[in-house]
């Protein structure tokens, strides 16, 4: 009976660890970008930190042509999806970028951890 409880506890801990890591499987892409439309534009940049399985800041305002870098400071991989595009799986310590192509409001999320959400307002 004691061995069964020990085995059950070990299996539960393993399942929990796998849930926290996510169901990735993609490769590290380093930096991915979506080109800005219309040329010109701003050269500003903003960083959104992925930490504690949340985006910080969750909402930000940028200008057309600005880049937004998503910096993974978590212990698990993330995959940002914005404007209908996945930016690629980013392992811990890796960044991906997105360029604001046109004005509008762009909700984004992590496809691996759907509770991670945010919004970029492009002016």
PDB file of N, CA and C in Angstrom:
ATOM      1  N   UNK A   1       0.833  -1.194   0.000  1.00  0.00           N
ATOM      2  CA  UNK A   1       0.000   0.000   0.000  1.00  0.00           C
ATOM      3  C   UNK A   1       0.876   1.257   0.000  1.00  0.00           C
ATOM      4  N   UNK A   2       1.955   1.260   0.788  1.00  0.00           N
ATOM      5  CA  UNK A   2       2.828   2.427   0.864  1.00  0.00           C
ATOM      6  C   UNK A   2       3.501   2.688  -0.477  1.00  0.00           C
ATOM      7  N   UNK A   3       3.914   1.636  -1.182  1.00  0.00           N
ATOM      8  CA  UNK A   3       4.549   1.804  -2.484  1.00  0.00           C
ATOM      9  C   UNK A   3       3.553   2.388  -3.473  1.00  0.00           C
ATOM     10  N   UNK A   4       2.317   1.960  -3.422  1.00  0.00           N
ATOM     11  CA  UNK A   4       1.283   2.490  -4.323  1.00  0.00           C
ATOM     12  C   UNK A   4       1.066   3.978  -4.101  1.00  0.00           C
ATOM     13  N   UNK A   5       1.022   4.413  -2.854  1.00  0.00           N
ATOM     14  CA  UNK A   5       0.861   5.846  -2.566  1.00  0.00           C
ATOM     15  C   UNK A   5       2.058   6.641  -3.048  1.00  0.00           C
ATOM     16  N   UNK A   6       3.240   6.096  -2.848  1.00  0.00           N
ATOM     17  CA  UNK A   6       4.459   6.761  -3.284  1.00  0.00           C
ATOM     18  C   UNK A   6       4.480   6.885  -4.809  1.00  0.00           C
ATOM     19  N   UNK A   7       4.102   5.817  -5.489  1.00  0.00           N
ATOM     20  CA  UNK A   7       4.055   5.833  -6.944  1.00  0.00           C
ATOM     21  C   UNK A   7       2.993   6.817  -7.441  1.00  0.00           C
ATOM     22  N   UNK A   8       1.834   6.815  -6.824  1.00  0.00           N
ATOM     23  CA  UNK A   8       0.766   7.745  -7.198  1.00  0.00           C
ATOM     24  C   UNK A   8       1.208   9.191  -6.988  1.00  0.00           C
ATOM     25  N   UNK A   9       1.860   9.471  -5.892  1.00  0.00           N
ATOM     26  CA  UNK A   9       2.350  10.822  -5.617  1.00  0.00           C
ATOM     27  C   UNK A   9       3.374  11.245  -6.666  1.00  0.00           C
ATOM     28  N   UNK A  10       4.286  10.340  -7.011  1.00  0.00           N
ATOM     29  CA  UNK A  10       5.299  10.648  -8.025  1.00  0.00           C
ATOM     30  C   UNK A  10       4.646  10.925  -9.375  1.00  0.00           C
ATOM     31  N   UNK A  11       3.655  10.140  -9.754  1.00  0.00           N
ATOM     32  CA  UNK A  11       2.962  10.344 -11.025  1.00  0.00           C
ATOM     33  C   UNK A  11       2.200  11.675 -11.047  1.00  0.00           C
ATOM     34  N   UNK A  12       1.574  12.015  -9.944  1.00  0.00           N
ATOM     35  CA  UNK A  12       0.861  13.291  -9.860  1.00  0.00           C
ATOM     36  C   UNK A  12       1.818  14.477  -9.974  1.00  0.00           C
ATOM     37  N   UNK A  13       2.983  14.379  -9.331  1.00  0.00           N
ATOM     38  CA  UNK A  13       3.974  15.445  -9.425  1.00  0.00           C
ATOM     39  C   UNK A  13       4.513  15.573 -10.843  1.00  0.00           C
ATOM     40  N   UNK A  14       4.723  14.450 -11.509  1.00  0.00           N
ATOM     41  CA  UNK A  14       5.176  14.474 -12.892  1.00  0.00           C
ATOM     42  C   UNK A  14       4.125  15.114 -13.794  1.00  0.00           C
ATOM     43  N   UNK A  15       2.866  14.765 -13.608  1.00  0.00           N
ATOM     44  CA  UNK A  15       1.791  15.359 -14.414  1.00  0.00           C
ATOM     45  C   UNK A  15       1.715  16.862 -14.185  1.00  0.00           C
ATOM     46  N   UNK A  16       1.850  17.303 -12.943  1.00  0.00           N
ATOM     47  CA  UNK A  16       1.829  18.734 -12.643  1.00  0.00           C
ATOM     48  C   UNK A  16       2.991  19.450 -13.316  1.00  0.00           C
ATOM     49  N   UNK A  17       4.173  18.846 -13.266  1.00  0.00           N
ATOM     50  CA  UNK A  17       5.342  19.458 -13.900  1.00  0.00           C
ATOM     51  C   UNK A  17       5.133  19.585 -15.398  1.00  0.00           C
ATOM     52  N   UNK A  18       4.570  18.566 -16.026  1.00  0.00           N
ATOM     53  CA  UNK A  18       4.314  18.621 -17.468  1.00  0.00           C
ATOM     54  C   UNK A  18       3.287  19.691 -17.811  1.00  0.00           C
ATOM     55  N   UNK A  19       2.276  19.877 -16.969  1.00  0.00           N
ATOM     56  CA  UNK A  19       1.280  20.922 -17.208  1.00  0.00           C
ATOM     57  C   UNK A  19       1.917  22.299 -17.142  1.00  0.00           C
ATOM     58  N   UNK A  20       2.829  22.507 -16.209  1.00  0.00           N
ATOM     59  CA  UNK A  20       3.472  23.808 -16.060  1.00  0.00           C
ATOM     60  C   UNK A  20       4.384  24.125 -17.234  1.00  0.00           C
ATOM     61  N   UNK A  21       5.042  23.115 -17.759  1.00  0.00           N
ATOM     62  CA  UNK A  21       5.951  23.322 -18.878  1.00  0.00           C
ATOM     63  C   UNK A  21       5.170  23.586 -20.147  1.00  0.00           C
ATOM     64  N   UNK A  22       3.993  23.050 -20.263  1.00  0.00           N
ATOM     65  CA  UNK A  22       3.183  23.263 -21.458  1.00  0.00           C
ATOM     66  C   UNK A  22       3.358  22.137 -22.447  1.00  0.00           C
ATOM     67  N   UNK A  23       2.657  22.265 -23.521  1.00  0.00           N
ATOM     68  CA  UNK A  23       2.689  21.209 -24.530  1.00  0.00           C
ATOM     69  C   UNK A  23       3.389  21.704 -25.773  1.00  0.00           C
ATOM     70  N   UNK A  24       4.516  22.357 -25.624  1.00  0.00           N
ATOM     71  CA  UNK A  24       5.260  22.913 -26.744  1.00  0.00           C
ATOM     72  C   UNK A  24       5.656  21.884 -27.762  1.00  0.00           C
ATOM     73  N   UNK A  25       6.887  21.826 -28.129  1.00  0.00           N
ATOM     74  CA  UNK A  25       7.353  20.897 -29.115  1.00  0.00           C
ATOM     75  C   UNK A  25       7.956  21.609 -30.305  1.00  0.00           C
ATOM     76  N   UNK A  26       7.757  22.918 -30.389  1.00  0.00           N
ATOM     77  CA  UNK A  26       8.347  23.674 -31.478  1.00  0.00           C
ATOM     78  C   UNK A  26       9.800  23.954 -31.183  1.00  0.00           C
ATOM     79  N   UNK A  27      10.471  24.517 -32.138  1.00  0.00           N
ATOM     80  CA  UNK A  27      11.873  24.849 -31.932  1.00  0.00           C
ATOM     81  C   UNK A  27      12.010  26.313 -31.557  1.00  0.00           C
ATOM     82  N   UNK A  28      13.144  26.651 -31.005  1.00  0.00           N
ATOM     83  CA  UNK A  28      13.418  28.032 -30.658  1.00  0.00           C
ATOM     84  C   UNK A  28      13.652  28.811 -31.936  1.00  0.00           C
ATOM     85  N   UNK A  29      12.954  29.935 -32.077  1.00  0.00           N
ATOM     86  CA  UNK A  29      13.087  30.699 -33.302  1.00  0.00           C
ATOM     87  C   UNK A  29      13.926  31.941 -33.125  1.00  0.00           C
ATOM     88  N   UNK A  30      14.319  32.258 -31.904  1.00  0.00           N
ATOM     89  CA  UNK A  30      15.079  33.481 -31.696  1.00  0.00           C
ATOM     90  C   UNK A  30      14.205  34.686 -31.895  1.00  0.00           C
ATOM     91  N   UNK A  31      14.360  35.363 -33.020  1.00  0.00           N
ATOM     92  CA  UNK A  31      13.602  36.575 -33.266  1.00  0.00           C
ATOM     93  C   UNK A  31      12.781  36.420 -34.531  1.00  0.00           C
ATOM     94  N   UNK A  32      11.515  36.741 -34.417  1.00  0.00           N
ATOM     95  CA  UNK A  32      10.613  36.722 -35.560  1.00  0.00           C
ATOM     96  C   UNK A  32       9.992  38.100 -35.648  1.00  0.00           C
ATOM     97  N   UNK A  33       9.778  38.590 -36.847  1.00  0.00           N
ATOM     98  CA  UNK A  33       9.154  39.897 -36.948  1.00  0.00           C
ATOM     99  C   UNK A  33       8.141  39.918 -38.066  1.00  0.00           C
ATOM    100  N   UNK A  34       7.168  40.803 -37.904  1.00  0.00           N
ATOM    101  CA  UNK A  34       6.177  41.069 -38.926  1.00  0.00           C
ATOM    102  C   UNK A  34       6.508  42.432 -39.485  1.00  0.00           C
ATOM    103  N   UNK A  35       6.752  42.558 -40.779  1.00  0.00           N
ATOM    104  CA  UNK A  35       7.185  43.840 -41.323  1.00  0.00           C
ATOM    105  C   UNK A  35       6.137  44.930 -41.188  1.00  0.00           C
ATOM    106  N   UNK A  36       6.614  46.148 -41.017  1.00  0.00           N
ATOM    107  CA  UNK A  36       5.727  47.299 -40.937  1.00  0.00           C
ATOM    108  C   UNK A  36       5.216  47.641 -42.332  1.00  0.00           C
ATOM    109  N   UNK A  37       4.000  48.146 -42.392  1.00  0.00           N
ATOM    110  CA  UNK A  37       3.406  48.527 -43.678  1.00  0.00           C
ATOM    111  C   UNK A  37       3.733  49.969 -43.996  1.00  0.00           C
ATOM    112  N   UNK A  38       3.839  50.264 -45.265  1.00  0.00           N
ATOM    113  CA  UNK A  38       3.944  51.651 -45.698  1.00  0.00           C
ATOM    114  C   UNK A  38       5.306  52.275 -45.521  1.00  0.00           C
ATOM    115  N   UNK A  39       6.318  51.522 -45.127  1.00  0.00           N
ATOM    116  CA  UNK A  39       7.657  52.087 -44.963  1.00  0.00           C
ATOM    117  C   UNK A  39       7.676  53.164 -43.901  1.00  0.00           C
ATOM    118  N   UNK A  40       8.808  53.764 -43.713  1.00  0.00           N
ATOM    119  CA  UNK A  40       8.931  54.857 -42.744  1.00  0.00           C
ATOM    120  C   UNK A  40       8.514  54.414 -41.364  1.00  0.00           C
ATOM    121  N   UNK A  41       7.726  55.228 -40.702  1.00  0.00           N
ATOM    122  CA  UNK A  41       7.224  54.884 -39.384  1.00  0.00           C
ATOM    123  C   UNK A  41       8.223  55.210 -38.300  1.00  0.00           C
ATOM    124  N   UNK A  42       7.853  54.878 -37.112  1.00  0.00           N
ATOM    125  CA  UNK A  42       8.657  55.150 -35.935  1.00  0.00           C
ATOM    126  C   UNK A  42       9.746  54.097 -35.784  1.00  0.00           C
ATOM    127  N   UNK A  43      10.776  54.442 -35.035  1.00  0.00           N
ATOM    128  CA  UNK A  43      11.838  53.480 -34.761  1.00  0.00           C
ATOM    129  C   UNK A  43      11.855  53.095 -33.285  1.00  0.00           C
ATOM    130  N   UNK A  44      10.771  53.408 -32.569  1.00  0.00           N
ATOM    131  CA  UNK A  44      10.708  53.098 -31.148  1.00  0.00           C
ATOM    132  C   UNK A  44      10.545  51.628 -30.892  1.00  0.00           C
ATOM    133  N   UNK A  45      10.858  51.222 -29.674  1.00  0.00           N
ATOM    134  CA  UNK A  45      10.712  49.823 -29.298  1.00  0.00           C
ATOM    135  C   UNK A  45      10.276  49.700 -27.856  1.00  0.00           C
ATOM    136  N   UNK A  46       9.518  48.663 -27.576  1.00  0.00           N
ATOM    137  CA  UNK A  46       9.012  48.406 -26.240  1.00  0.00           C
ATOM    138  C   UNK A  46       9.209  46.935 -25.936  1.00  0.00           C
ATOM    139  N   UNK A  47       9.460  46.604 -24.677  1.00  0.00           N
ATOM    140  CA  UNK A  47       9.602  45.212 -24.269  1.00  0.00           C
ATOM    141  C   UNK A  47       8.451  44.817 -23.364  1.00  0.00           C
ATOM    142  N   UNK A  48       7.863  43.667 -23.664  1.00  0.00           N
ATOM    143  CA  UNK A  48       6.861  43.044 -22.805  1.00  0.00           C
ATOM    144  C   UNK A  48       7.549  41.833 -22.192  1.00  0.00           C
ATOM    145  N   UNK A  49       7.575  41.784 -20.869  1.00  0.00           N
ATOM    146  CA  UNK A  49       8.222  40.677 -20.164  1.00  0.00           C
ATOM    147  C   UNK A  49       7.203  39.577 -19.887  1.00  0.00           C
ATOM    148  N   UNK A  50       7.589  38.344 -20.166  1.00  0.00           N
ATOM    149  CA  UNK A  50       6.784  37.174 -19.830  1.00  0.00           C
ATOM    150  C   UNK A  50       7.393  36.600 -18.563  1.00  0.00           C
ATOM    151  N   UNK A  51       6.690  36.787 -17.450  1.00  0.00           N
ATOM    152  CA  UNK A  51       7.208  36.358 -16.160  1.00  0.00           C
ATOM    153  C   UNK A  51       6.046  36.002 -15.249  1.00  0.00           C
ATOM    154  N   UNK A  52       6.184  34.928 -14.480  1.00  0.00           N
ATOM    155  CA  UNK A  52       5.096  34.507 -13.599  1.00  0.00           C
ATOM    156  C   UNK A  52       3.871  34.098 -14.398  1.00  0.00           C
ATOM    157  N   UNK A  53       4.092  33.617 -15.626  1.00  0.00           N
ATOM    158  CA  UNK A  53       3.031  33.204 -16.533  1.00  0.00           C
ATOM    159  C   UNK A  53       2.018  34.334 -16.765  1.00  0.00           C
ATOM    160  N   UNK A  54       2.577  35.546 -16.959  1.00  0.00           N
ATOM    161  CA  UNK A  54       1.779  36.733 -17.274  1.00  0.00           C
ATOM    162  C   UNK A  54       2.631  37.675 -18.119  1.00  0.00           C
ATOM    163  N   UNK A  55       1.964  38.546 -18.885  1.00  0.00           N
ATOM    164  CA  UNK A  55       2.637  39.574 -19.663  1.00  0.00           C
ATOM    165  C   UNK A  55       2.711  40.853 -18.840  1.00  0.00           C
ATOM    166  N   UNK A  56       3.864  41.531 -18.874  1.00  0.00           N
ATOM    167  CA  UNK A  56       4.039  42.776 -18.132  1.00  0.00           C
ATOM    168  C   UNK A  56       4.738  43.797 -19.020  1.00  0.00           C
ATOM    169  N   UNK A  57       4.078  44.882 -19.398  1.00  0.00           N
ATOM    170  CA  UNK A  57       2.707  45.248 -19.056  1.00  0.00           C
ATOM    171  C   UNK A  57       1.719  44.478 -19.933  1.00  0.00           C
ATOM    172  N   UNK A  58       0.514  44.237 -19.407  1.00  0.00           N
ATOM    173  CA  UNK A  58      -0.474  43.507 -20.190  1.00  0.00           C
ATOM    174  C   UNK A  58      -1.090  44.350 -21.312  1.00  0.00           C
ATOM    175  N   UNK A  59      -1.077  45.659 -21.147  1.00  0.00           N
ATOM    176  CA  UNK A  59      -1.615  46.562 -22.162  1.00  0.00           C
ATOM    177  C   UNK A  59      -0.608  47.667 -22.406  1.00  0.00           C
ATOM    178  N   UNK A  60      -0.350  47.961 -23.688  1.00  0.00           N
ATOM    179  CA  UNK A  60       0.557  49.059 -23.991  1.00  0.00           C
ATOM    180  C   UNK A  60       0.127  49.736 -25.277  1.00  0.00           C
ATOM    181  N   UNK A  61       0.598  50.968 -25.432  1.00  0.00           N
ATOM    182  CA  UNK A  61       0.303  51.766 -26.616  1.00  0.00           C
ATOM    183  C   UNK A  61       1.607  52.083 -27.323  1.00  0.00           C
ATOM    184  N   UNK A  62       1.629  51.836 -28.646  1.00  0.00           N
ATOM    185  CA  UNK A  62       2.811  52.097 -29.464  1.00  0.00           C
ATOM    186  C   UNK A  62       2.374  52.831 -30.726  1.00  0.00           C
ATOM    187  N   UNK A  63       3.345  53.237 -31.531  1.00  0.00           N
ATOM    188  CA  UNK A  63       3.070  53.912 -32.793  1.00  0.00           C
ATOM    189  C   UNK A  63       3.307  52.954 -33.952  1.00  0.00           C
ATOM    190  N   UNK A  64       2.676  53.238 -35.083  1.00  0.00           N
ATOM    191  CA  UNK A  64       2.906  52.449 -36.285  1.00  0.00           C
ATOM    192  C   UNK A  64       4.409  52.429 -36.573  1.00  0.00           C
ATOM    193  N   UNK A  65       4.944  51.262 -36.848  1.00  0.00           N
ATOM    194  CA  UNK A  65       6.369  51.099 -37.120  1.00  0.00           C
ATOM    195  C   UNK A  65       7.188  50.712 -35.905  1.00  0.00           C
ATOM    196  N   UNK A  66       6.638  50.877 -34.698  1.00  0.00           N
ATOM    197  CA  UNK A  66       7.355  50.471 -33.483  1.00  0.00           C
ATOM    198  C   UNK A  66       7.459  48.955 -33.410  1.00  0.00           C
ATOM    199  N   UNK A  67       8.501  48.479 -32.764  1.00  0.00           N
ATOM    200  CA  UNK A  67       8.639  47.045 -32.517  1.00  0.00           C
ATOM    201  C   UNK A  67       8.333  46.756 -31.052  1.00  0.00           C
ATOM    202  N   UNK A  68       7.762  45.599 -30.823  1.00  0.00           N
ATOM    203  CA  UNK A  68       7.492  45.125 -29.469  1.00  0.00           C
ATOM    204  C   UNK A  68       8.249  43.818 -29.313  1.00  0.00           C
ATOM    205  N   UNK A  69       9.119  43.767 -28.315  1.00  0.00           N
ATOM    206  CA  UNK A  69       9.882  42.559 -28.020  1.00  0.00           C
ATOM    207  C   UNK A  69       9.225  41.848 -26.861  1.00  0.00           C
ATOM    208  N   UNK A  70       8.956  40.560 -27.039  1.00  0.00           N
ATOM    209  CA  UNK A  70       8.419  39.714 -25.980  1.00  0.00           C
ATOM    210  C   UNK A  70       9.595  38.924 -25.417  1.00  0.00           C
ATOM    211  N   UNK A  71       9.956  39.203 -24.158  1.00  0.00           N
ATOM    212  CA  UNK A  71      11.129  38.607 -23.518  1.00  0.00           C
ATOM    213  C   UNK A  71      10.689  37.547 -22.513  1.00  0.00           C
ATOM    214  N   UNK A  72      11.038  36.297 -22.772  1.00  0.00           N
ATOM    215  CA  UNK A  72      10.639  35.201 -21.900  1.00  0.00           C
ATOM    216  C   UNK A  72      11.578  35.108 -20.694  1.00  0.00           C
ATOM    217  N   UNK A  73      11.086  35.521 -19.539  1.00  0.00           N
ATOM    218  CA  UNK A  73      11.839  35.442 -18.283  1.00  0.00           C
ATOM    219  C   UNK A  73      11.280  34.333 -17.390  1.00  0.00           C
ATOM    220  N   UNK A  74      10.385  33.495 -17.962  1.00  0.00           N
ATOM    221  CA  UNK A  74       9.785  32.394 -17.214  1.00  0.00           C
ATOM    222  C   UNK A  74      10.653  31.144 -17.306  1.00  0.00           C
ATOM    223  N   UNK A  75      10.246  30.114 -16.593  1.00  0.00           N
ATOM    224  CA  UNK A  75      10.954  28.834 -16.611  1.00  0.00           C
ATOM    225  C   UNK A  75      10.377  27.877 -17.648  1.00  0.00           C
ATOM    226  N   UNK A  76       9.401  28.339 -18.417  1.00  0.00           N
ATOM    227  CA  UNK A  76       8.737  27.492 -19.413  1.00  0.00           C
ATOM    228  C   UNK A  76       8.701  28.218 -20.758  1.00  0.00           C
ATOM    229  N   UNK A  77       8.549  27.481 -21.860  1.00  0.00           N
ATOM    230  CA  UNK A  77       8.435  28.130 -23.155  1.00  0.00           C
ATOM    231  C   UNK A  77       7.100  28.852 -23.308  1.00  0.00           C
ATOM    232  N   UNK A  78       7.078  29.834 -24.200  1.00  0.00           N
ATOM    233  CA  UNK A  78       5.859  30.567 -24.542  1.00  0.00           C
ATOM    234  C   UNK A  78       5.783  30.675 -26.059  1.00  0.00           C
ATOM    235  N   UNK A  79       4.592  30.993 -26.563  1.00  0.00           N
ATOM    236  CA  UNK A  79       4.391  31.202 -27.993  1.00  0.00           C
ATOM    237  C   UNK A  79       3.336  32.289 -28.149  1.00  0.00           C
ATOM    238  N   UNK A  80       3.772  33.500 -28.464  1.00  0.00           N
ATOM    239  CA  UNK A  80       2.867  34.638 -28.587  1.00  0.00           C
ATOM    240  C   UNK A  80       2.116  34.553 -29.907  1.00  0.00           C
ATOM    241  N   UNK A  81       0.807  34.758 -29.832  1.00  0.00           N
ATOM    242  CA  UNK A  81      -0.026  34.856 -31.033  1.00  0.00           C
ATOM    243  C   UNK A  81      -0.653  36.237 -31.037  1.00  0.00           C
ATOM    244  N   UNK A  82      -0.419  36.987 -32.135  1.00  0.00           N
ATOM    245  CA  UNK A  82      -0.944  38.330 -32.265  1.00  0.00           C
ATOM    246  C   UNK A  82      -1.292  38.566 -33.732  1.00  0.00           C
ATOM    247  N   UNK A  83      -2.388  39.246 -33.970  1.00  0.00           N
ATOM    248  CA  UNK A  83      -2.833  39.576 -35.322  1.00  0.00           C
ATOM    249  C   UNK A  83      -2.934  38.323 -36.195  1.00  0.00           C
ATOM    250  N   UNK A  84      -3.391  37.214 -35.590  1.00  0.00           N
ATOM    251  CA  UNK A  84      -3.578  35.969 -36.318  1.00  0.00           C
ATOM    252  C   UNK A  84      -2.311  35.195 -36.614  1.00  0.00           C
ATOM    253  N   UNK A  85      -1.177  35.641 -36.103  1.00  0.00           N
ATOM    254  CA  UNK A  85       0.101  34.985 -36.392  1.00  0.00           C
ATOM    255  C   UNK A  85       0.788  34.551 -35.098  1.00  0.00           C
ATOM    256  N   UNK A  86       1.348  33.343 -35.131  1.00  0.00           N
ATOM    257  CA  UNK A  86       2.172  32.890 -34.008  1.00  0.00           C
ATOM    258  C   UNK A  86       3.602  33.341 -34.269  1.00  0.00           C
ATOM    259  N   UNK A  87       4.241  33.914 -33.249  1.00  0.00           N
ATOM    260  CA  UNK A  87       5.605  34.409 -33.405  1.00  0.00           C
ATOM    261  C   UNK A  87       6.646  33.320 -33.213  1.00  0.00           C
ATOM    262  N   UNK A  88       6.225  32.123 -32.848  1.00  0.00           N
ATOM    263  CA  UNK A  88       7.159  31.007 -32.683  1.00  0.00           C
ATOM    264  C   UNK A  88       7.415  30.711 -31.216  1.00  0.00           C
ATOM    265  N   UNK A  89       7.691  29.457 -30.941  1.00  0.00           N
ATOM    266  CA  UNK A  89       7.971  29.043 -29.567  1.00  0.00           C
ATOM    267  C   UNK A  89       9.285  29.660 -29.110  1.00  0.00           C
ATOM    268  N   UNK A  90       9.240  30.273 -27.951  1.00  0.00           N
ATOM    269  CA  UNK A  90      10.448  30.871 -27.372  1.00  0.00           C
ATOM    270  C   UNK A  90      10.749  30.193 -26.040  1.00  0.00           C
ATOM    271  N   UNK A  91      11.893  29.582 -25.984  1.00  0.00           N
ATOM    272  CA  UNK A  91      12.327  28.941 -24.749  1.00  0.00           C
ATOM    273  C   UNK A  91      12.689  30.006 -23.717  1.00  0.00           C
ATOM    274  N   UNK A  92      12.826  29.614 -22.443  1.00  0.00           N
ATOM    275  CA  UNK A  92      13.230  30.576 -21.416  1.00  0.00           C
ATOM    276  C   UNK A  92      14.500  31.318 -21.829  1.00  0.00           C
ATOM    277  N   UNK A  93      14.491  32.632 -21.632  1.00  0.00           N
ATOM    278  CA  UNK A  93      15.646  33.460 -21.967  1.00  0.00           C
ATOM    279  C   UNK A  93      15.666  33.953 -23.400  1.00  0.00           C
ATOM    280  N   UNK A  94      14.713  33.528 -24.223  1.00  0.00           N
ATOM    281  CA  UNK A  94      14.669  33.934 -25.634  1.00  0.00           C
ATOM    282  C   UNK A  94      13.629  35.031 -25.852  1.00  0.00           C
ATOM    283  N   UNK A  95      13.826  35.809 -26.908  1.00  0.00           N
ATOM    284  CA  UNK A  95      12.927  36.903 -27.265  1.00  0.00           C
ATOM    285  C   UNK A  95      12.348  36.686 -28.657  1.00  0.00           C
ATOM    286  N   UNK A  96      11.175  37.238 -28.902  1.00  0.00           N
ATOM    287  CA  UNK A  96      10.617  37.356 -30.248  1.00  0.00           C
ATOM    288  C   UNK A  96      10.116  38.788 -30.388  1.00  0.00           C
ATOM    289  N   UNK A  97      10.048  39.284 -31.616  1.00  0.00           N
ATOM    290  CA  UNK A  97       9.580  40.654 -31.823  1.00  0.00           C
ATOM    291  C   UNK A  97       8.418  40.683 -32.795  1.00  0.00           C
ATOM    292  N   UNK A  98       7.639  41.731 -32.677  1.00  0.00           N
ATOM    293  CA  UNK A  98       6.505  42.001 -33.547  1.00  0.00           C
ATOM    294  C   UNK A  98       6.571  43.480 -33.895  1.00  0.00           C
ATOM    295  N   UNK A  99       6.307  43.802 -35.145  1.00  0.00           N
ATOM    296  CA  UNK A  99       6.314  45.194 -35.582  1.00  0.00           C
ATOM    297  C   UNK A  99       4.887  45.641 -35.860  1.00  0.00           C
ATOM    298  N   UNK A 100       4.524  46.790 -35.315  1.00  0.00           N
ATOM    299  CA  UNK A 100       3.183  47.345 -35.491  1.00  0.00           C
ATOM    300  C   UNK A 100       3.039  47.868 -36.919  1.00  0.00           C
ATOM    301  N   UNK A 101       2.304  47.134 -37.746  1.00  0.00           N
ATOM    302  CA  UNK A 101       2.192  47.471 -39.164  1.00  0.00           C
ATOM    303  C   UNK A 101       1.168  48.564 -39.446  1.00  0.00           C
ATOM    304  N   UNK A 102       0.082  48.593 -38.668  1.00  0.00           N
ATOM    305  CA  UNK A 102      -0.954  49.608 -38.908  1.00  0.00           C
ATOM    306  C   UNK A 102      -1.710  49.873 -37.622  1.00  0.00           C
ATOM    307  N   UNK A 103      -2.386  51.023 -37.596  1.00  0.00           N
ATOM    308  CA  UNK A 103      -3.137  51.432 -36.406  1.00  0.00           C
ATOM    309  C   UNK A 103      -4.255  50.433 -36.116  1.00  0.00           C
ATOM    310  N   UNK A 104      -4.540  50.275 -34.834  1.00  0.00           N
ATOM    311  CA  UNK A 104      -5.615  49.377 -34.408  1.00  0.00           C
ATOM    312  C   UNK A 104      -5.324  48.815 -33.035  1.00  0.00           C
ATOM    313  N   UNK A 105      -6.204  47.946 -32.588  1.00  0.00           N
ATOM    314  CA  UNK A 105      -6.042  47.279 -31.296  1.00  0.00           C
ATOM    315  C   UNK A 105      -5.794  45.808 -31.561  1.00  0.00           C
ATOM    316  N   UNK A 106      -4.734  45.282 -30.979  1.00  0.00           N
ATOM    317  CA  UNK A 106      -4.291  43.924 -31.241  1.00  0.00           C
ATOM    318  C   UNK A 106      -4.225  43.117 -29.946  1.00  0.00           C
ATOM    319  N   UNK A 107      -5.232  42.290 -29.678  1.00  0.00           N
ATOM    320  CA  UNK A 107      -5.139  41.390 -28.539  1.00  0.00           C
ATOM    321  C   UNK A 107      -4.075  40.335 -28.834  1.00  0.00           C
ATOM    322  N   UNK A 108      -3.403  39.866 -27.816  1.00  0.00           N
ATOM    323  CA  UNK A 108      -2.418  38.804 -27.989  1.00  0.00           C
ATOM    324  C   UNK A 108      -2.508  37.832 -26.825  1.00  0.00           C
ATOM    325  N   UNK A 109      -1.970  36.633 -27.033  1.00  0.00           N
ATOM    326  CA  UNK A 109      -2.003  35.601 -25.998  1.00  0.00           C
ATOM    327  C   UNK A 109      -0.860  34.624 -26.231  1.00  0.00           C
ATOM    328  N   UNK A 110      -0.676  33.753 -25.257  1.00  0.00           N
ATOM    329  CA  UNK A 110       0.283  32.654 -25.380  1.00  0.00           C
ATOM    330  C   UNK A 110      -0.523  31.417 -25.765  1.00  0.00           C
ATOM    331  N   UNK A 111      -0.159  30.788 -26.883  1.00  0.00           N
ATOM    332  CA  UNK A 111      -0.905  29.613 -27.323  1.00  0.00           C
ATOM    333  C   UNK A 111      -0.671  28.409 -26.419  1.00  0.00           C
ATOM    334  N   UNK A 112       0.424  28.412 -25.681  1.00  0.00           N
ATOM    335  CA  UNK A 112       0.731  27.310 -24.768  1.00  0.00           C
ATOM    336  C   UNK A 112       0.021  27.503 -23.429  1.00  0.00           C
ATOM    337  N   UNK A 113      -0.090  28.762 -22.988  1.00  0.00           N
ATOM    338  CA  UNK A 113      -0.715  29.101 -21.708  1.00  0.00           C
ATOM    339  C   UNK A 113      -1.827  30.127 -21.983  1.00  0.00           C
ATOM    340  N   UNK A 114      -3.030  29.676 -22.351  1.00  0.00           N
ATOM    341  CA  UNK A 114      -4.092  30.568 -22.807  1.00  0.00           C
ATOM    342  C   UNK A 114      -4.559  31.619 -21.790  1.00  0.00           C
ATOM    343  N   UNK A 115      -4.212  31.463 -20.518  1.00  0.00           N
ATOM    344  CA  UNK A 115      -4.607  32.486 -19.543  1.00  0.00           C
ATOM    345  C   UNK A 115      -3.695  33.712 -19.645  1.00  0.00           C
ATOM    346  N   UNK A 116      -2.601  33.591 -20.364  1.00  0.00           N
ATOM    347  CA  UNK A 116      -1.698  34.731 -20.576  1.00  0.00           C
ATOM    348  C   UNK A 116      -2.246  35.541 -21.753  1.00  0.00           C
ATOM    349  N   UNK A 117      -2.736  36.741 -21.458  1.00  0.00           N
ATOM    350  CA  UNK A 117      -3.301  37.590 -22.499  1.00  0.00           C
ATOM    351  C   UNK A 117      -2.855  39.026 -22.317  1.00  0.00           C
ATOM    352  N   UNK A 118      -2.977  39.798 -23.374  1.00  0.00           N
ATOM    353  CA  UNK A 118      -2.647  41.209 -23.319  1.00  0.00           C
ATOM    354  C   UNK A 118      -3.208  41.903 -24.545  1.00  0.00           C
ATOM    355  N   UNK A 119      -2.865  43.190 -24.678  1.00  0.00           N
ATOM    356  CA  UNK A 119      -3.401  43.990 -25.782  1.00  0.00           C
ATOM    357  C   UNK A 119      -2.410  45.099 -26.133  1.00  0.00           C
ATOM    358  N   UNK A 120      -2.199  45.273 -27.425  1.00  0.00           N
ATOM    359  CA  UNK A 120      -1.361  46.369 -27.913  1.00  0.00           C
ATOM    360  C   UNK A 120      -2.249  47.316 -28.709  1.00  0.00           C
ATOM    361  N   UNK A 121      -2.185  48.590 -28.358  1.00  0.00           N
ATOM    362  CA  UNK A 121      -2.917  49.633 -29.083  1.00  0.00           C
ATOM    363  C   UNK A 121      -1.894  50.370 -29.944  1.00  0.00           C
ATOM    364  N   UNK A 122      -2.129  50.338 -31.260  1.00  0.00           N
ATOM    365  CA  UNK A 122      -1.209  50.979 -32.201  1.00  0.00           C
ATOM    366  C   UNK A 122      -1.866  52.252 -32.705  1.00  0.00           C
ATOM    367  N   UNK A 123      -1.170  53.377 -32.526  1.00  0.00           N
ATOM    368  CA  UNK A 123      -1.702  54.678 -32.958  1.00  0.00           C
ATOM    369  C   UNK A 123      -0.990  55.165 -34.204  1.00  0.00           C
TER     370      UNK A 123
END
